[in-house]
Amino acid sequence: MALFIARYDLRAPAGTDRGELYRTALDQAAWCEAHGFDMLVLSEHHGVDDGYLPSPITVAAAMAARTSAIPIMISALLVPLHDPIRL
């Protein structure tokens, strides 16, 4: 069984318009749902200059607001950096 999954890390070279990058990712999430993708995947990372996604929960919430049924999975979350009650 094949799965169609879109994975987002939102890395970008210096000088990239990050607002446009995130807007495009949200547009793509809606497109993926409309075209039968099975899942959207995000992961958390810190300590790099290319903007590797530091807040996957926030991006997952934004993607959920733009979609209605496609599952959104956070494949890596650095639990010690989050409030355990909020998680």
C-alpha atoms as a PDB file:
ATOM      1  CA  MET A   1       0.000   0.000   0.000  1.00  0.00           C
ATOM      2  CA  ALA A   2       1.479   3.323  -1.047  1.00  0.00           C
ATOM      3  CA  LEU A   3       1.032   6.437   1.081  1.00  0.00           C
ATOM      4  CA  PHE A   4       1.268   9.972  -0.205  1.00  0.00           C
ATOM      5  CA  ILE A   5       2.809  12.101   2.536  1.00  0.00           C
ATOM      6  CA  ALA A   6       3.990  15.711   2.451  1.00  0.00           C
ATOM      7  CA  ARG A   7       6.773  16.398   4.942  1.00  0.00           C
ATOM      8  CA  TYR A   8       7.659  19.943   5.991  1.00  0.00           C
ATOM      9  CA  ASP A   9      10.814  21.205   7.677  1.00  0.00           C
ATOM     10  CA  LEU A  10      10.538  24.790   6.349  1.00  0.00           C
ATOM     11  CA  ARG A  11      14.289  25.234   5.909  1.00  0.00           C
ATOM     12  CA  ALA A  12      15.311  28.209   3.828  1.00  0.00           C
ATOM     13  CA  PRO A  13      18.567  29.871   2.845  1.00  0.00           C
ATOM     14  CA  ALA A  14      19.439  33.289   4.235  1.00  0.00           C
ATOM     15  CA  GLY A  15      17.433  36.068   2.632  1.00  0.00           C
ATOM     16  CA  THR A  16      14.313  33.972   2.061  1.00  0.00           C
ATOM     17  CA  ASP A  17      11.012  35.644   2.915  1.00  0.00           C
ATOM     18  CA  ARG A  18       9.930  33.390   5.770  1.00  0.00           C
ATOM     19  CA  GLY A  19       6.380  34.742   5.736  1.00  0.00           C
ATOM     20  CA  GLU A  20       6.021  33.703   2.112  1.00  0.00           C
ATOM     21  CA  LEU A  21       7.559  30.307   2.911  1.00  0.00           C
ATOM     22  CA  TYR A  22       4.982  29.643   5.643  1.00  0.00           C
ATOM     23  CA  ARG A  23       2.074  30.954   3.526  1.00  0.00           C
ATOM     24  CA  THR A  24       3.125  28.644   0.705  1.00  0.00           C
ATOM     25  CA  ALA A  25       3.350  25.673   3.090  1.00  0.00           C
ATOM     26  CA  LEU A  26      -0.217  26.360   4.266  1.00  0.00           C
ATOM     27  CA  ASP A  27      -1.411  26.615   0.658  1.00  0.00           C
ATOM     28  CA  GLN A  28       0.330  23.331  -0.100  1.00  0.00           C
ATOM     29  CA  ALA A  29      -1.309  21.658   2.901  1.00  0.00           C
ATOM     30  CA  ALA A  30      -4.741  22.602   1.560  1.00  0.00           C
ATOM     31  CA  TRP A  31      -3.702  21.431  -1.926  1.00  0.00           C
ATOM     32  CA  CYS A  32      -2.462  18.101  -0.536  1.00  0.00           C
ATOM     33  CA  GLU A  33      -5.773  17.471   1.179  1.00  0.00           C
ATOM     34  CA  ALA A  34      -7.733  18.390  -1.959  1.00  0.00           C
ATOM     35  CA  HIS A  35      -5.627  15.992  -4.026  1.00  0.00           C
ATOM     36  CA  GLY A  36      -5.913  12.929  -1.792  1.00  0.00           C
ATOM     37  CA  PHE A  37      -2.659  12.952   0.170  1.00  0.00           C
ATOM     38  CA  ASP A  38      -2.713  10.684   3.202  1.00  0.00           C
ATOM     39  CA  MET A  39      -0.858  12.806   5.757  1.00  0.00           C
ATOM     40  CA  LEU A  40       1.120  15.952   6.517  1.00  0.00           C
ATOM     41  CA  VAL A  41       4.264  15.515   8.631  1.00  0.00           C
ATOM     42  CA  LEU A  42       6.207  18.094  10.652  1.00  0.00           C
ATOM     43  CA  SER A  43       9.234  17.826  12.925  1.00  0.00           C
ATOM     44  CA  GLU A  44      10.960  20.142  15.378  1.00  0.00           C
ATOM     45  CA  HIS A  45      14.597  21.198  15.267  1.00  0.00           C
ATOM     46  CA  HIS A  46      16.675  23.967  16.845  1.00  0.00           C
ATOM     47  CA  GLY A  47      20.153  25.438  16.595  1.00  0.00           C
ATOM     48  CA  VAL A  48      20.544  25.912  12.854  1.00  0.00           C
ATOM     49  CA  ASP A  49      20.653  29.086  10.780  1.00  0.00           C
ATOM     50  CA  ASP A  50      18.380  27.906   7.984  1.00  0.00           C
ATOM     51  CA  GLY A  51      15.154  28.219   9.991  1.00  0.00           C
ATOM     52  CA  TYR A  52      14.499  24.487  10.413  1.00  0.00           C
ATOM     53  CA  LEU A  53      11.031  24.359  11.931  1.00  0.00           C
ATOM     54  CA  PRO A  54      11.294  25.397  15.621  1.00  0.00           C
ATOM     55  CA  SER A  55       7.519  25.403  16.323  1.00  0.00           C
ATOM     56  CA  PRO A  56       5.762  22.426  14.735  1.00  0.00           C
ATOM     57  CA  ILE A  57       2.746  22.627  17.061  1.00  0.00           C
ATOM     58  CA  THR A  58       1.971  26.149  15.859  1.00  0.00           C
ATOM     59  CA  VAL A  59       2.402  25.188  12.206  1.00  0.00           C
ATOM     60  CA  ALA A  60       0.269  22.072  12.731  1.00  0.00           C
ATOM     61  CA  ALA A  61      -2.491  24.269  14.173  1.00  0.00           C
ATOM     62  CA  ALA A  62      -2.282  26.617  11.172  1.00  0.00           C
ATOM     63  CA  MET A  63      -2.426  23.650   8.781  1.00  0.00           C
ATOM     64  CA  ALA A  64      -5.404  22.245  10.669  1.00  0.00           C
ATOM     65  CA  ALA A  65      -7.152  25.588  10.220  1.00  0.00           C
ATOM     66  CA  ARG A  66      -6.625  25.356   6.446  1.00  0.00           C
ATOM     67  CA  THR A  67      -7.693  21.713   6.116  1.00  0.00           C
ATOM     68  CA  SER A  68     -10.584  19.631   7.387  1.00  0.00           C
ATOM     69  CA  ALA A  69      -9.718  15.937   7.499  1.00  0.00           C
ATOM     70  CA  ILE A  70      -6.108  15.167   6.558  1.00  0.00           C
ATOM     71  CA  PRO A  71      -4.066  13.805   9.486  1.00  0.00           C
ATOM     72  CA  ILE A  72      -1.182  15.975  10.675  1.00  0.00           C
ATOM     73  CA  MET A  73       1.657  14.167  12.420  1.00  0.00           C
ATOM     74  CA  ILE A  74       4.505  15.716  14.374  1.00  0.00           C
ATOM     75  CA  SER A  75       7.294  13.201  13.899  1.00  0.00           C
ATOM     76  CA  ALA A  76       9.808  14.838  16.236  1.00  0.00           C
ATOM     77  CA  LEU A  77       9.029  17.030  19.215  1.00  0.00           C
ATOM     78  CA  LEU A  78      11.662  17.998  21.768  1.00  0.00           C
ATOM     79  CA  VAL A  79       9.569  17.388  24.864  1.00  0.00           C
ATOM     80  CA  PRO A  80      11.960  18.979  27.419  1.00  0.00           C
ATOM     81  CA  LEU A  81      11.484  22.321  25.622  1.00  0.00           C
ATOM     82  CA  HIS A  82       7.712  22.306  26.183  1.00  0.00           C
ATOM     83  CA  ASP A  83       5.401  22.713  29.150  1.00  0.00           C
ATOM     84  CA  PRO A  84       4.288  19.144  29.966  1.00  0.00           C
ATOM     85  CA  ILE A  85       0.769  20.269  30.879  1.00  0.00           C
ATOM     86  CA  ARG A  86       0.297  21.980  27.497  1.00  0.00           C
ATOM     87  CA  LEU A  87       1.556  18.907  25.642  1.00  0.00           C
END
